[in-house]
Protein backbone atom coordinates (compact mmCIF):
# COMPACT_ATOMS: atom_id res chain seq x y z
CA MET A 1 1.54 9.50 14.77
CA THR A 2 3.33 7.09 12.99
CA LYS A 3 4.01 6.99 9.28
CA PHE A 4 4.47 4.09 6.89
CA VAL A 5 4.84 4.33 3.16
CA LEU A 6 3.68 0.64 1.32
CA ALA A 7 3.40 -0.50 -1.88
CA GLY A 8 0.85 -3.33 -2.88
CA GLY A 9 -0.44 -2.99 -6.47
CA CYS A 10 -2.78 0.30 -7.20
CA PHE A 11 -2.80 2.61 -4.82
CA TRP A 12 -6.56 3.39 -4.91
CA CYS A 13 -7.15 -0.51 -3.28
CA LEU A 14 -4.38 0.52 -0.27
CA ASP A 15 -6.03 3.87 0.15
CA SER A 16 -9.43 2.89 0.11
CA ALA A 17 -8.71 0.08 2.24
CA TYR A 18 -6.73 1.62 4.88
CA SER A 19 -9.01 4.47 5.45
CA GLN A 20 -11.97 2.54 6.95
CA PHE A 21 -9.78 1.98 10.49
CA LYS A 22 -9.82 3.43 13.65
CA GLY A 23 -6.41 5.09 14.44
CA ILE A 24 -5.96 5.95 10.53
CA GLN A 25 -5.39 9.65 10.66
CA ASP A 26 -4.20 10.25 7.24
CA VAL A 27 -3.71 8.19 3.92
CA THR A 28 -1.78 9.86 0.75
CA CYS A 29 -1.49 8.12 -2.41
CA GLY A 30 1.81 8.86 -3.93
CA TYR A 31 4.87 7.60 -5.58
CA THR A 32 8.68 6.85 -4.29
CA GLY A 33 11.58 4.79 -5.10
CA GLY A 34 11.78 6.27 -8.51
CA LYS A 35 14.46 8.27 -10.46
CA ILE A 36 12.52 11.43 -11.43
CA ALA A 37 11.42 14.61 -9.43
CA ASN A 38 7.59 15.11 -9.27
CA PRO A 39 6.49 12.52 -11.85
CA THR A 40 2.78 12.53 -13.50
CA TYR A 41 0.79 9.32 -12.86
CA GLU A 42 1.22 8.92 -16.79
CA GLN A 43 5.28 8.77 -16.37
CA VAL A 44 4.97 6.36 -13.48
CA CYS A 45 2.34 4.15 -15.71
CA ASP A 46 5.08 4.27 -18.77
CA GLY A 47 6.87 2.08 -16.35
CA ASN A 48 10.60 4.01 -17.29
CA THR A 49 10.41 6.10 -13.46
CA ASP A 50 11.05 3.19 -11.19
CA HIS A 51 8.74 4.54 -8.96
CA ALA A 52 5.89 2.56 -7.06
CA GLU A 53 2.43 3.60 -6.44
CA VAL A 54 2.02 3.86 -2.93
CA VAL A 55 0.38 5.29 0.05
CA SER A 56 1.48 7.10 3.15
CA ILE A 57 -0.40 6.10 5.57
CA GLU A 58 -0.30 8.20 9.04
CA PHE A 59 -1.63 6.22 12.33
CA ASP A 60 -2.04 6.58 15.99
CA GLU A 61 -0.29 3.65 17.26
CA ALA A 62 -2.41 3.65 20.75
CA VAL A 63 -5.60 3.25 18.61
CA ILE A 64 -4.08 0.75 15.84
CA SER A 65 -0.70 -0.94 16.24
CA THR A 66 1.83 -1.11 13.75
CA GLU A 67 1.74 -5.26 13.21
CA ALA A 68 -2.28 -4.69 12.42
CA ILE A 69 -1.32 -2.12 9.80
CA LEU A 70 1.16 -4.66 8.61
CA ASP A 71 -1.03 -7.65 8.60
CA ILE A 72 -3.54 -5.41 6.69
CA PHE A 73 -1.13 -5.05 4.26
CA PHE A 74 -0.05 -8.66 3.78
CA THR A 75 -4.05 -9.48 3.50
CA LEU A 76 -4.88 -6.59 1.29
CA HIS A 77 -2.58 -7.64 -1.64
CA ASP A 78 -0.83 -10.93 -3.42
CA PRO A 79 2.92 -10.08 -1.79
CA THR A 80 4.11 -13.54 -3.86
CA GLN A 81 3.30 -11.64 -7.23
CA LEU A 82 6.50 -10.16 -8.71
CA ASN A 83 6.17 -6.54 -10.12
CA ARG A 84 1.94 -6.89 -10.52
CA GLN A 85 -1.10 -7.24 -8.84
CA GLY A 86 -3.99 -9.05 -10.76
CA GLY A 87 -4.07 -7.56 -13.94
CA ASP A 88 -1.86 -4.60 -12.88
CA VAL A 89 1.87 -5.08 -14.46
CA GLY A 90 5.06 -3.52 -14.06
CA THR A 91 7.45 -2.20 -11.63
CA GLN A 92 5.04 0.42 -10.53
CA TYR A 93 2.77 -2.36 -8.73
CA ARG A 94 5.17 -4.28 -7.02
CA SER A 95 5.48 -4.98 -3.26
CA ALA A 96 7.51 -3.23 -1.06
CA MET A 97 7.71 -1.66 2.37
CA PHE A 98 9.66 1.65 2.23
CA PHE A 99 11.87 2.31 5.31
CA ASP A 100 12.89 5.36 6.99
CA SER A 101 15.04 4.24 9.74
CA ALA A 102 16.72 0.99 10.48
CA GLU A 103 14.33 0.29 13.60
CA GLN A 104 11.47 0.36 10.80
CA GLU A 105 13.29 -1.84 8.27
CA GLU A 106 13.91 -4.43 11.01
CA PHE A 107 10.26 -3.80 11.72
CA PHE A 108 9.39 -4.42 8.35
CA SER A 109 11.62 -7.40 8.06
CA GLN A 110 9.88 -9.20 10.92
CA SER A 111 6.36 -8.63 9.63
CA ILE A 112 7.64 -10.35 6.35
CA GLU A 113 8.71 -13.20 8.44
CA ARG A 114 5.46 -13.50 10.14
CA ALA A 115 3.57 -13.09 7.21
CA LYS A 116 5.53 -16.24 5.75
CA GLU A 117 3.23 -17.91 7.89
CA ILE A 118 0.03 -17.63 5.66
CA TRP A 119 1.96 -16.82 1.94
CA GLY A 120 4.96 -19.34 2.41
CA ASP A 121 8.68 -18.70 1.30
CA LYS A 122 7.24 -16.89 -2.00
CA ILE A 123 6.95 -13.27 -0.70
CA VAL A 124 8.95 -11.05 -3.11
CA THR A 125 8.01 -8.09 -1.06
CA THR A 126 11.56 -5.50 -1.14
CA LEU A 127 12.55 -3.69 1.72
CA GLU A 128 13.56 -0.18 0.18
CA PRO A 129 14.67 2.95 1.79
CA LEU A 130 12.39 5.49 1.69
CA GLY A 131 13.25 8.36 -0.64
CA PRO A 132 11.40 11.53 -1.74
CA PHE A 133 7.73 10.77 -1.62
CA PHE A 134 5.67 12.59 -4.46
CA GLU A 135 2.07 13.26 -3.88
CA ALA A 136 -0.20 11.91 -6.40
CA GLU A 137 -2.43 14.30 -8.39
CA GLU A 138 -5.61 14.86 -6.34
CA TYR A 139 -7.99 12.61 -8.31
CA HIS A 140 -6.24 9.74 -7.04
CA GLN A 141 -6.89 10.95 -3.60
CA ASP A 142 -10.09 8.85 -2.34
CA PHE A 143 -10.50 7.54 -5.70
CA PHE A 144 -13.02 4.74 -4.39
CA ALA A 145 -14.95 6.73 -2.30
CA LYS A 146 -15.61 9.59 -4.64
CA ASN A 147 -16.16 6.66 -7.60
CA PRO A 148 -17.61 3.61 -5.94
CA ASN A 149 -19.18 2.57 -9.79
CA GLN A 150 -16.11 3.07 -11.52
CA GLY A 151 -15.14 -0.31 -13.37
CA TYR A 152 -11.76 -0.76 -11.78
CA CYS A 153 -13.36 0.16 -8.48
CA VAL A 154 -16.41 -2.20 -8.97
CA ALA A 155 -13.99 -5.32 -10.11
CA VAL A 156 -10.95 -5.05 -7.97
CA VAL A 157 -11.24 -1.93 -5.48
CA ALA A 158 -14.29 -3.41 -3.65
CA HIS A 159 -13.11 -6.90 -3.32
CA LYS A 160 -10.05 -6.01 -1.59
CA VAL A 161 -12.08 -3.66 0.54
CA ALA A 162 -14.50 -6.34 1.63
CA LYS A 163 -11.68 -8.79 2.19
CA VAL A 164 -9.73 -6.60 4.89
CA ARG A 165 -13.50 -5.42 6.32
CA ALA A 166 -14.30 -9.21 6.71
CA LYS A 167 -10.87 -9.94 8.53
CA PHE A 168 -10.44 -6.90 10.66
CA THR A 169 -13.95 -5.81 11.60
CA HIS A 170 -12.66 -5.55 15.23
CA LEU A 171 -10.89 -2.39 13.93
CA LEU A 172 -13.26 -0.31 11.62
CA ARG A 173 -14.38 2.84 12.56
């Protein structure tokens, strides 16, 4: 199994999008990249902890490639928006890839170069060393699946899920 920790705006969008693909063993919403231990959602949303909303994605490379995981990432969010995704504003919504080895850092760097073919040179996605990962509160896990009619889910999450479903239909469960 391989694990990537990625940030691309609200973790509900990433969680719901990745959960629909073959080879995904686990997607966990959480926080990393900050300066305090065990932050709460409210602390992260205040923007003073330096944490990003992230997902930890555990997947089987024999079923879904690392390239596909990252192509989904760069399709799912807009990596040209600095510290925001749409109406979600703040460093907690930054576009970032958290690496746990030099090999993973290089792989992430290559994926950014590949994404430039679509997004141009305006990509602001950062490469950051993976520090402690703090699992988000239980109500954030599988939020879209549990709350498909919630306002944000209808207005934002559903569209992002549909976008990656349309582009990566061959990888759906």
